[in-house]
Amino acid sequence: MHASHTVTETRLEIQKLNTLPPMSLVAQELLAVFGESELDVQRIAAIIEKDPALLARLIGLANSAYFGYPERVASAEEAIFKVLGINIARSLAFSMVLAGTFRTSHCPAFRVDEYWTSAMVAATLAQRLARLVDVEPRPRSGNAYLAGLLHNIGLLALVHLYPADMTQVFGHLEQEPGLVAAERTQLGADHLQVGGWLGRKWHLPAFVVAAIEHHRDASYAGEYRPLVQLIGFCAQWASGLQRDEDAADLSVLTALGIPPAEAESVLGEMLARREEIALLAQLLAGE
């Protein structure tokens, strides 16, 4: 497999976003909400209701078995107030509408359900573990959830821009040392770099960009180190779960001050709910 693009060419295409539609107005409004100190359920509900497809999917998520709410909800405000909570609701809504920017159907080798399963597992696990981190700066659980959902957003961009190249990438994964290496060989850049470029282009929160770009970098020592390391662990565990590998090296979590026994307990709960999370991911994927 040979590189059909240079890193400069790939970066220029991402930076210019020549073949990507702009971020939707709904996504822009939801992004603006992340910069506000006080959150208003009614305002976020009103933004979501501007996108009927997004509204339907969010209500579907709220009514799913995963959240276990005993009554059916029928509005964005009910979904947020009664079931999801404002942080989860805005993160899910933003991630879904942002992902809707990308067309992935032209790359049949790409499994959108697997993408969302990994995103959902990583986000849920990161949210749970963030509360146990005992080193500074301690990541907020809401920030960890959003970063987990978006950690592989660059993969959607690559599949959208280079469906033929990415079909080759996915086809060579059994022979190549991994997805990132295969992407670099074929495209001259990988989805971590592309996600970082895209995140800065779209002015995503700095902690999200750091998590996207560096969650596989064990040597990262920047401002958001605990969050980035946490997302790295959660992303790796989520990826392993897709291959039916649930063994985990807890040394990263131990370094973050999370006791192994508590970490094992959280991972056990995640394993017990893996089928529910997979069904949730299908709703996120629009299936």
C-alpha atoms as a PDB file:
ATOM      1  CA  MET A   1       0.000   0.000   0.000  1.00  0.00           C
ATOM      2  CA  HIS A   2       1.486   3.333  -1.009  1.00  0.00           C
ATOM      3  CA  ALA A   3       0.648   6.892   0.015  1.00  0.00           C
ATOM      4  CA  SER A   4      -1.654   8.566  -2.496  1.00  0.00           C
ATOM      5  CA  HIS A   5      -1.608  11.903  -0.668  1.00  0.00           C
ATOM      6  CA  THR A   6       1.003  13.898   1.193  1.00  0.00           C
ATOM      7  CA  VAL A   7       0.353  15.179   4.699  1.00  0.00           C
ATOM      8  CA  THR A   8       0.366  18.731   3.304  1.00  0.00           C
ATOM      9  CA  GLU A   9      -2.280  17.900   0.707  1.00  0.00           C
ATOM     10  CA  THR A  10      -4.485  16.190   3.277  1.00  0.00           C
ATOM     11  CA  ARG A  11      -4.133  19.048   5.729  1.00  0.00           C
ATOM     12  CA  LEU A  12      -4.952  21.650   3.095  1.00  0.00           C
ATOM     13  CA  GLU A  13      -8.106  19.798   2.088  1.00  0.00           C
ATOM     14  CA  ILE A  14      -9.237  19.530   5.690  1.00  0.00           C
ATOM     15  CA  GLN A  15      -8.400  23.162   6.440  1.00  0.00           C
ATOM     16  CA  LYS A  16     -10.276  24.427   3.398  1.00  0.00           C
ATOM     17  CA  LEU A  17     -13.098  21.920   3.882  1.00  0.00           C
ATOM     18  CA  ASN A  18     -13.626  22.105   0.127  1.00  0.00           C
ATOM     19  CA  THR A  19     -15.888  19.090  -0.015  1.00  0.00           C
ATOM     20  CA  LEU A  20     -17.514  19.396   3.416  1.00  0.00           C
ATOM     21  CA  PRO A  21     -20.620  21.462   4.083  1.00  0.00           C
ATOM     22  CA  PRO A  22     -20.193  24.064   6.828  1.00  0.00           C
ATOM     23  CA  MET A  23     -21.172  23.312  10.389  1.00  0.00           C
ATOM     24  CA  SER A  24     -24.960  23.595  10.605  1.00  0.00           C
ATOM     25  CA  LEU A  25     -26.610  26.483  12.420  1.00  0.00           C
ATOM     26  CA  VAL A  26     -27.941  24.057  15.026  1.00  0.00           C
ATOM     27  CA  ALA A  27     -24.408  22.769  15.637  1.00  0.00           C
ATOM     28  CA  GLN A  28     -23.105  26.334  15.894  1.00  0.00           C
ATOM     29  CA  GLU A  29     -25.771  27.224  18.461  1.00  0.00           C
ATOM     30  CA  LEU A  30     -25.062  24.093  20.503  1.00  0.00           C
ATOM     31  CA  LEU A  31     -21.327  24.800  20.355  1.00  0.00           C
ATOM     32  CA  ALA A  32     -21.952  28.320  21.693  1.00  0.00           C
ATOM     33  CA  VAL A  33     -23.745  26.809  24.681  1.00  0.00           C
ATOM     34  CA  PHE A  34     -20.551  25.020  25.781  1.00  0.00           C
ATOM     35  CA  GLY A  35     -18.988  28.403  26.488  1.00  0.00           C
ATOM     36  CA  GLU A  36     -21.729  29.493  28.864  1.00  0.00           C
ATOM     37  CA  SER A  37     -21.425  29.119  32.620  1.00  0.00           C
ATOM     38  CA  GLU A  38     -25.171  28.758  33.229  1.00  0.00           C
ATOM     39  CA  LEU A  39     -27.139  26.172  31.290  1.00  0.00           C
ATOM     40  CA  ASP A  40     -30.788  26.634  30.387  1.00  0.00           C
ATOM     41  CA  VAL A  41     -32.835  23.500  29.667  1.00  0.00           C
ATOM     42  CA  GLN A  42     -35.463  25.418  27.720  1.00  0.00           C
ATOM     43  CA  ARG A  43     -32.858  27.117  25.532  1.00  0.00           C
ATOM     44  CA  ILE A  44     -31.084  23.867  24.654  1.00  0.00           C
ATOM     45  CA  ALA A  45     -34.433  22.189  23.997  1.00  0.00           C
ATOM     46  CA  ALA A  46     -35.406  25.031  21.671  1.00  0.00           C
ATOM     47  CA  ILE A  47     -32.153  24.637  19.706  1.00  0.00           C
ATOM     48  CA  ILE A  48     -32.657  20.873  19.340  1.00  0.00           C
ATOM     49  CA  GLU A  49     -36.250  21.347  18.202  1.00  0.00           C
ATOM     50  CA  LYS A  50     -35.018  23.333  15.194  1.00  0.00           C
ATOM     51  CA  ASP A  51     -33.766  20.033  13.723  1.00  0.00           C
ATOM     52  CA  PRO A  52     -36.667  17.533  13.538  1.00  0.00           C
ATOM     53  CA  ALA A  53     -34.411  14.547  12.773  1.00  0.00           C
ATOM     54  CA  LEU A  54     -32.142  15.381  15.718  1.00  0.00           C
ATOM     55  CA  LEU A  55     -35.174  15.851  17.954  1.00  0.00           C
ATOM     56  CA  ALA A  56     -36.564  12.432  16.996  1.00  0.00           C
ATOM     57  CA  ARG A  57     -33.244  10.694  17.682  1.00  0.00           C
ATOM     58  CA  LEU A  58     -32.773  12.423  21.030  1.00  0.00           C
ATOM     59  CA  ILE A  59     -36.269  11.441  22.153  1.00  0.00           C
ATOM     60  CA  GLY A  60     -35.541   7.900  20.957  1.00  0.00           C
ATOM     61  CA  LEU A  61     -32.392   7.843  23.075  1.00  0.00           C
ATOM     62  CA  ALA A  62     -34.262   9.101  26.129  1.00  0.00           C
ATOM     63  CA  ASN A  63     -36.877   6.362  25.686  1.00  0.00           C
ATOM     64  CA  SER A  64     -34.284   3.601  25.241  1.00  0.00           C
ATOM     65  CA  ALA A  65     -33.857   0.754  27.698  1.00  0.00           C
ATOM     66  CA  TYR A  66     -30.380   2.031  28.578  1.00  0.00           C
ATOM     67  CA  PHE A  67     -31.700   5.011  30.516  1.00  0.00           C
ATOM     68  CA  GLY A  68     -34.563   3.016  32.007  1.00  0.00           C
ATOM     69  CA  TYR A  69     -37.018   5.861  32.482  1.00  0.00           C
ATOM     70  CA  PRO A  70     -40.421   4.272  33.319  1.00  0.00           C
ATOM     71  CA  GLU A  71     -42.548   6.693  31.270  1.00  0.00           C
ATOM     72  CA  ARG A  72     -42.254   7.709  27.631  1.00  0.00           C
ATOM     73  CA  VAL A  73     -41.104  11.251  26.944  1.00  0.00           C
ATOM     74  CA  ALA A  74     -42.338  13.182  23.929  1.00  0.00           C
ATOM     75  CA  SER A  75     -40.397  16.466  23.860  1.00  0.00           C
ATOM     76  CA  ALA A  76     -36.823  17.684  24.001  1.00  0.00           C
ATOM     77  CA  GLU A  77     -37.473  19.420  27.306  1.00  0.00           C
ATOM     78  CA  GLU A  78     -38.838  16.235  28.875  1.00  0.00           C
ATOM     79  CA  ALA A  79     -35.925  14.198  27.501  1.00  0.00           C
ATOM     80  CA  ILE A  80     -33.421  16.625  29.002  1.00  0.00           C
ATOM     81  CA  PHE A  81     -35.136  17.384  32.293  1.00  0.00           C
ATOM     82  CA  LYS A  82     -36.492  13.931  33.167  1.00  0.00           C
ATOM     83  CA  VAL A  83     -34.004  11.508  31.640  1.00  0.00           C
ATOM     84  CA  LEU A  84     -30.730  12.650  30.120  1.00  0.00           C
ATOM     85  CA  GLY A  85     -29.669  15.659  32.105  1.00  0.00           C
ATOM     86  CA  ILE A  86     -28.433  18.804  30.466  1.00  0.00           C
ATOM     87  CA  ASN A  87     -24.766  17.829  30.034  1.00  0.00           C
ATOM     88  CA  ILE A  88     -25.447  14.471  28.388  1.00  0.00           C
ATOM     89  CA  ALA A  89     -28.242  15.900  26.241  1.00  0.00           C
ATOM     90  CA  ARG A  90     -26.196  18.744  24.790  1.00  0.00           C
ATOM     91  CA  SER A  91     -23.182  16.480  24.199  1.00  0.00           C
ATOM     92  CA  LEU A  92     -25.250  13.821  22.449  1.00  0.00           C
ATOM     93  CA  ALA A  93     -27.126  16.393  20.385  1.00  0.00           C
ATOM     94  CA  PHE A  94     -23.936  18.201  19.386  1.00  0.00           C
ATOM     95  CA  SER A  95     -22.145  14.971  18.481  1.00  0.00           C
ATOM     96  CA  MET A  96     -25.048  13.726  16.363  1.00  0.00           C
ATOM     97  CA  VAL A  97     -25.527  16.963  14.463  1.00  0.00           C
ATOM     98  CA  LEU A  98     -21.770  17.348  13.955  1.00  0.00           C
ATOM     99  CA  ALA A  99     -21.466  13.802  12.646  1.00  0.00           C
ATOM    100  CA  GLY A 100     -24.336  14.534  10.266  1.00  0.00           C
ATOM    101  CA  THR A 101     -21.957  16.839   8.376  1.00  0.00           C
ATOM    102  CA  PHE A 102     -20.153  13.802   6.998  1.00  0.00           C
ATOM    103  CA  ARG A 103     -21.289  11.381   4.305  1.00  0.00           C
ATOM    104  CA  THR A 104     -19.999   7.891   5.052  1.00  0.00           C
ATOM    105  CA  SER A 105     -22.199   5.760   2.788  1.00  0.00           C
ATOM    106  CA  HIS A 106     -19.702   5.962  -0.113  1.00  0.00           C
ATOM    107  CA  CYS A 107     -17.253   3.901   1.949  1.00  0.00           C
ATOM    108  CA  PRO A 108     -19.032   0.554   2.465  1.00  0.00           C
ATOM    109  CA  ALA A 109     -16.121  -0.801   4.491  1.00  0.00           C
ATOM    110  CA  PHE A 110     -16.811   1.793   7.182  1.00  0.00           C
ATOM    111  CA  ARG A 111     -19.108   0.539   9.945  1.00  0.00           C
ATOM    112  CA  VAL A 112     -20.979   3.520  11.333  1.00  0.00           C
ATOM    113  CA  ASP A 113     -22.563   1.363  14.047  1.00  0.00           C
ATOM    114  CA  GLU A 114     -19.107   0.349  15.278  1.00  0.00           C
ATOM    115  CA  TYR A 115     -18.004   3.977  15.205  1.00  0.00           C
ATOM    116  CA  TRP A 116     -20.872   5.000  17.478  1.00  0.00           C
ATOM    117  CA  THR A 117     -20.480   1.977  19.744  1.00  0.00           C
ATOM    118  CA  SER A 118     -16.852   2.934  20.386  1.00  0.00           C
ATOM    119  CA  ALA A 119     -17.851   6.577  20.888  1.00  0.00           C
ATOM    120  CA  MET A 120     -20.644   5.686  23.288  1.00  0.00           C
ATOM    121  CA  VAL A 121     -18.563   3.222  25.312  1.00  0.00           C
ATOM    122  CA  ALA A 122     -15.641   5.644  25.545  1.00  0.00           C
ATOM    123  CA  ALA A 123     -17.897   8.537  26.549  1.00  0.00           C
ATOM    124  CA  THR A 124     -19.879   6.624  29.164  1.00  0.00           C
ATOM    125  CA  LEU A 125     -16.772   5.054  30.668  1.00  0.00           C
ATOM    126  CA  ALA A 126     -14.914   8.379  30.699  1.00  0.00           C
ATOM    127  CA  GLN A 127     -17.822  10.094  32.422  1.00  0.00           C
ATOM    128  CA  ARG A 128     -17.919   7.435  35.137  1.00  0.00           C
ATOM    129  CA  LEU A 129     -14.151   7.316  35.689  1.00  0.00           C
ATOM    130  CA  ALA A 130     -13.673  11.114  35.605  1.00  0.00           C
ATOM    131  CA  ARG A 131     -15.414  11.353  38.970  1.00  0.00           C
ATOM    132  CA  LEU A 132     -12.729   9.102  40.462  1.00  0.00           C
ATOM    133  CA  VAL A 133      -9.663  10.928  39.111  1.00  0.00           C
ATOM    134  CA  ASP A 134      -7.528  12.217  41.965  1.00  0.00           C
ATOM    135  CA  VAL A 135      -4.862  14.276  40.192  1.00  0.00           C
ATOM    136  CA  GLU A 136      -5.030  17.890  39.058  1.00  0.00           C
ATOM    137  CA  PRO A 137      -6.522  19.274  36.961  1.00  0.00           C
ATOM    138  CA  ARG A 138      -9.410  16.914  37.561  1.00  0.00           C
ATOM    139  CA  PRO A 139     -11.529  16.567  34.423  1.00  0.00           C
ATOM    140  CA  ARG A 140     -15.198  17.408  34.661  1.00  0.00           C
ATOM    141  CA  SER A 141     -17.394  14.415  33.956  1.00  0.00           C
ATOM    142  CA  GLY A 142     -19.381  16.384  31.342  1.00  0.00           C
ATOM    143  CA  ASN A 143     -16.189  17.351  29.525  1.00  0.00           C
ATOM    144  CA  ALA A 144     -14.992  13.749  29.620  1.00  0.00           C
ATOM    145  CA  TYR A 145     -18.297  12.590  28.133  1.00  0.00           C
ATOM    146  CA  LEU A 146     -18.097  15.045  25.225  1.00  0.00           C
ATOM    147  CA  ALA A 147     -14.442  14.254  24.551  1.00  0.00           C
ATOM    148  CA  GLY A 148     -15.245  10.545  24.550  1.00  0.00           C
ATOM    149  CA  LEU A 149     -18.031  11.018  22.026  1.00  0.00           C
ATOM    150  CA  LEU A 150     -15.834  13.050  19.675  1.00  0.00           C
ATOM    151  CA  HIS A 151     -12.456  11.355  20.117  1.00  0.00           C
ATOM    152  CA  ASN A 152     -12.592   9.721  16.659  1.00  0.00           C
ATOM    153  CA  ILE A 153     -14.379  12.504  14.727  1.00  0.00           C
ATOM    154  CA  GLY A 154     -11.403  12.697  12.347  1.00  0.00           C
ATOM    155  CA  LEU A 155     -12.265   9.215  11.115  1.00  0.00           C
ATOM    156  CA  LEU A 156     -15.598  10.511   9.792  1.00  0.00           C
ATOM    157  CA  ALA A 157     -13.810  13.295   7.934  1.00  0.00           C
ATOM    158  CA  LEU A 158     -11.372  10.870   6.289  1.00  0.00           C
ATOM    159  CA  VAL A 159     -14.161   8.504   5.261  1.00  0.00           C
ATOM    160  CA  HIS A 160     -16.112  11.444   3.816  1.00  0.00           C
ATOM    161  CA  LEU A 161     -13.189  12.966   1.916  1.00  0.00           C
ATOM    162  CA  TYR A 162     -11.377   9.797   0.817  1.00  0.00           C
ATOM    163  CA  PRO A 163     -13.866   6.903   0.621  1.00  0.00           C
ATOM    164  CA  ALA A 164     -11.785   4.915  -1.900  1.00  0.00           C
ATOM    165  CA  ASP A 165      -8.548   5.371   0.054  1.00  0.00           C
ATOM    166  CA  MET A 166     -10.238   4.483   3.329  1.00  0.00           C
ATOM    167  CA  THR A 167     -11.740   1.375   1.748  1.00  0.00           C
ATOM    168  CA  GLN A 168      -8.153   0.291   1.054  1.00  0.00           C
ATOM    169  CA  VAL A 169      -7.149   1.225   4.597  1.00  0.00           C
ATOM    170  CA  PHE A 170      -9.876  -0.910   6.136  1.00  0.00           C
ATOM    171  CA  GLY A 171      -9.077  -3.728   3.709  1.00  0.00           C
ATOM    172  CA  HIS A 172      -5.430  -3.808   4.800  1.00  0.00           C
ATOM    173  CA  LEU A 173      -5.996  -3.681   8.555  1.00  0.00           C
ATOM    174  CA  GLU A 174      -5.340  -7.394   9.002  1.00  0.00           C
ATOM    175  CA  GLN A 175      -1.897  -7.033   7.439  1.00  0.00           C
ATOM    176  CA  GLU A 176      -1.036  -3.557   8.755  1.00  0.00           C
ATOM    177  CA  PRO A 177       0.061  -2.757  12.341  1.00  0.00           C
ATOM    178  CA  GLY A 178      -3.089  -0.751  13.002  1.00  0.00           C
ATOM    179  CA  LEU A 179      -5.533   1.844  11.748  1.00  0.00           C
ATOM    180  CA  VAL A 180      -3.363   4.892  12.403  1.00  0.00           C
ATOM    181  CA  ALA A 181      -0.345   3.366  10.640  1.00  0.00           C
ATOM    182  CA  ALA A 182      -2.506   2.288   7.686  1.00  0.00           C
ATOM    183  CA  GLU A 183      -3.971   5.795   7.362  1.00  0.00           C
ATOM    184  CA  ARG A 184      -0.533   7.389   7.402  1.00  0.00           C
ATOM    185  CA  THR A 185       0.687   4.996   4.730  1.00  0.00           C
ATOM    186  CA  GLN A 186      -2.279   5.610   2.442  1.00  0.00           C
ATOM    187  CA  LEU A 187      -3.017   9.289   3.126  1.00  0.00           C
ATOM    188  CA  GLY A 188       0.089  10.810   4.671  1.00  0.00           C
ATOM    189  CA  ALA A 189      -1.959  11.701   7.775  1.00  0.00           C
ATOM    190  CA  ASP A 190      -4.116   9.891  10.321  1.00  0.00           C
ATOM    191  CA  HIS A 191      -7.528  10.527  11.854  1.00  0.00           C
ATOM    192  CA  LEU A 192      -5.993  11.914  15.051  1.00  0.00           C
ATOM    193  CA  GLN A 193      -4.208  14.690  13.148  1.00  0.00           C
ATOM    194  CA  VAL A 194      -7.214  15.284  10.925  1.00  0.00           C
ATOM    195  CA  GLY A 195      -9.528  15.457  13.933  1.00  0.00           C
ATOM    196  CA  GLY A 196      -7.249  18.042  15.531  1.00  0.00           C
ATOM    197  CA  TRP A 197      -7.129  20.164  12.380  1.00  0.00           C
ATOM    198  CA  LEU A 198     -10.887  19.938  12.030  1.00  0.00           C
ATOM    199  CA  GLY A 199     -11.477  20.711  15.705  1.00  0.00           C
ATOM    200  CA  ARG A 200      -9.439  23.897  15.503  1.00  0.00           C
ATOM    201  CA  LYS A 201     -11.087  24.874  12.218  1.00  0.00           C
ATOM    202  CA  TRP A 202     -14.500  24.523  13.838  1.00  0.00           C
ATOM    203  CA  HIS A 203     -13.393  26.123  17.136  1.00  0.00           C
ATOM    204  CA  LEU A 204     -14.269  23.126  19.271  1.00  0.00           C
ATOM    205  CA  PRO A 205     -13.403  23.472  22.973  1.00  0.00           C
ATOM    206  CA  ALA A 206      -9.652  23.223  23.539  1.00  0.00           C
ATOM    207  CA  PHE A 207      -9.986  20.203  25.844  1.00  0.00           C
ATOM    208  CA  VAL A 208     -11.859  18.323  23.104  1.00  0.00           C
ATOM    209  CA  VAL A 209      -9.188  19.123  20.492  1.00  0.00           C
ATOM    210  CA  ALA A 210      -6.460  17.942  22.865  1.00  0.00           C
ATOM    211  CA  ALA A 211      -8.298  14.675  23.533  1.00  0.00           C
ATOM    212  CA  ILE A 212      -8.946  14.075  19.831  1.00  0.00           C
ATOM    213  CA  GLU A 213      -5.352  14.745  18.816  1.00  0.00           C
ATOM    214  CA  HIS A 214      -3.368  13.223  21.678  1.00  0.00           C
ATOM    215  CA  HIS A 215      -5.398  10.422  23.286  1.00  0.00           C
ATOM    216  CA  ARG A 216      -3.005   7.822  21.818  1.00  0.00           C
ATOM    217  CA  ASP A 217       0.092   9.779  22.860  1.00  0.00           C
ATOM    218  CA  ALA A 218       1.379   8.422  26.166  1.00  0.00           C
ATOM    219  CA  SER A 219       3.979  11.204  26.308  1.00  0.00           C
ATOM    220  CA  TYR A 220       1.431  14.058  26.139  1.00  0.00           C
ATOM    221  CA  ALA A 221       2.108  16.446  29.027  1.00  0.00           C
ATOM    222  CA  GLY A 222      -0.031  19.437  28.101  1.00  0.00           C
ATOM    223  CA  GLU A 223      -2.679  21.379  29.964  1.00  0.00           C
ATOM    224  CA  TYR A 224      -5.314  18.649  29.738  1.00  0.00           C
ATOM    225  CA  ARG A 225      -3.099  15.674  30.587  1.00  0.00           C
ATOM    226  CA  PRO A 226      -5.457  13.848  33.004  1.00  0.00           C
ATOM    227  CA  LEU A 227      -8.406  14.168  30.607  1.00  0.00           C
ATOM    228  CA  VAL A 228      -6.341  13.124  27.573  1.00  0.00           C
ATOM    229  CA  GLN A 229      -4.920  10.095  29.392  1.00  0.00           C
ATOM    230  CA  LEU A 230      -8.380   9.136  30.601  1.00  0.00           C
ATOM    231  CA  ILE A 231      -9.834   9.337  27.084  1.00  0.00           C
ATOM    232  CA  GLY A 232      -6.867   7.336  25.798  1.00  0.00           C
ATOM    233  CA  PHE A 233      -7.627   4.510  28.201  1.00  0.00           C
ATOM    234  CA  CYS A 234     -11.368   4.601  27.505  1.00  0.00           C
ATOM    235  CA  ALA A 235     -10.870   4.681  23.726  1.00  0.00           C
ATOM    236  CA  GLN A 236      -8.477   1.726  23.881  1.00  0.00           C
ATOM    237  CA  TRP A 237     -10.851  -0.252  26.098  1.00  0.00           C
ATOM    238  CA  ALA A 238     -13.805   0.545  23.822  1.00  0.00           C
ATOM    239  CA  SER A 239     -11.803  -0.576  20.788  1.00  0.00           C
ATOM    240  CA  GLY A 240     -10.852  -3.814  22.512  1.00  0.00           C
ATOM    241  CA  LEU A 241     -14.457  -4.461  23.430  1.00  0.00           C
ATOM    242  CA  GLN A 242     -15.350  -4.384  19.726  1.00  0.00           C
ATOM    243  CA  ARG A 243     -12.945  -7.311  19.303  1.00  0.00           C
ATOM    244  CA  ASP A 244     -14.336  -9.092  22.382  1.00  0.00           C
ATOM    245  CA  GLU A 245     -11.222  -8.223  24.358  1.00  0.00           C
ATOM    246  CA  ASP A 246     -12.116  -6.894  27.791  1.00  0.00           C
ATOM    247  CA  ALA A 247      -8.726  -7.235  29.493  1.00  0.00           C
ATOM    248  CA  ALA A 248      -7.352  -3.865  30.587  1.00  0.00           C
ATOM    249  CA  ASP A 249      -4.034  -2.477  31.780  1.00  0.00           C
ATOM    250  CA  LEU A 250      -5.129  -0.316  34.703  1.00  0.00           C
ATOM    251  CA  SER A 251      -1.758   1.375  35.168  1.00  0.00           C
ATOM    252  CA  VAL A 252      -2.977   4.543  33.407  1.00  0.00           C
ATOM    253  CA  LEU A 253      -5.957   4.778  35.757  1.00  0.00           C
ATOM    254  CA  THR A 254      -3.783   4.065  38.784  1.00  0.00           C
ATOM    255  CA  ALA A 255      -1.523   6.962  37.747  1.00  0.00           C
ATOM    256  CA  LEU A 256      -4.650   9.135  37.665  1.00  0.00           C
ATOM    257  CA  GLY A 257      -5.365   8.230  41.289  1.00  0.00           C
ATOM    258  CA  ILE A 258      -8.188   5.778  40.549  1.00  0.00           C
ATOM    259  CA  PRO A 259      -8.030   2.710  42.842  1.00  0.00           C
ATOM    260  CA  PRO A 260      -7.896  -0.540  40.807  1.00  0.00           C
ATOM    261  CA  ALA A 261     -10.842  -2.034  42.678  1.00  0.00           C
ATOM    262  CA  GLU A 262     -13.065   0.929  41.795  1.00  0.00           C
ATOM    263  CA  ALA A 263     -11.873   0.881  38.199  1.00  0.00           C
ATOM    264  CA  GLU A 264     -12.650  -2.852  37.925  1.00  0.00           C
ATOM    265  CA  SER A 265     -16.115  -2.220  39.341  1.00  0.00           C
ATOM    266  CA  VAL A 266     -16.879   0.443  36.722  1.00  0.00           C
ATOM    267  CA  LEU A 267     -15.532  -1.752  33.905  1.00  0.00           C
ATOM    268  CA  GLY A 268     -17.669  -4.632  35.137  1.00  0.00           C
ATOM    269  CA  GLU A 269     -20.765  -2.466  35.002  1.00  0.00           C
ATOM    270  CA  MET A 270     -19.897  -1.418  31.462  1.00  0.00           C
ATOM    271  CA  LEU A 271     -19.501  -5.039  30.386  1.00  0.00           C
ATOM    272  CA  ALA A 272     -22.883  -5.915  31.885  1.00  0.00           C
ATOM    273  CA  ARG A 273     -24.534  -3.183  29.798  1.00  0.00           C
ATOM    274  CA  ARG A 274     -22.670  -3.661  26.531  1.00  0.00           C
ATOM    275  CA  GLU A 275     -25.768  -4.864  24.642  1.00  0.00           C
ATOM    276  CA  GLU A 276     -27.776  -1.847  25.814  1.00  0.00           C
ATOM    277  CA  ILE A 277     -24.950   0.463  24.746  1.00  0.00           C
ATOM    278  CA  ALA A 278     -24.829  -1.221  21.318  1.00  0.00           C
ATOM    279  CA  LEU A 279     -28.559  -0.571  20.862  1.00  0.00           C
ATOM    280  CA  LEU A 280     -28.007   3.031  21.939  1.00  0.00           C
ATOM    281  CA  ALA A 281     -25.249   3.335  19.334  1.00  0.00           C
ATOM    282  CA  GLN A 282     -27.666   2.184  16.616  1.00  0.00           C
ATOM    283  CA  LEU A 283     -29.942   5.088  17.520  1.00  0.00           C
ATOM    284  CA  LEU A 284     -26.989   7.467  17.354  1.00  0.00           C
ATOM    285  CA  ALA A 285     -26.104   6.040  13.958  1.00  0.00           C
ATOM    286  CA  GLY A 286     -29.651   6.658  12.766  1.00  0.00           C
ATOM    287  CA  GLU A 287     -30.304   2.966  12.152  1.00  0.00           C
END
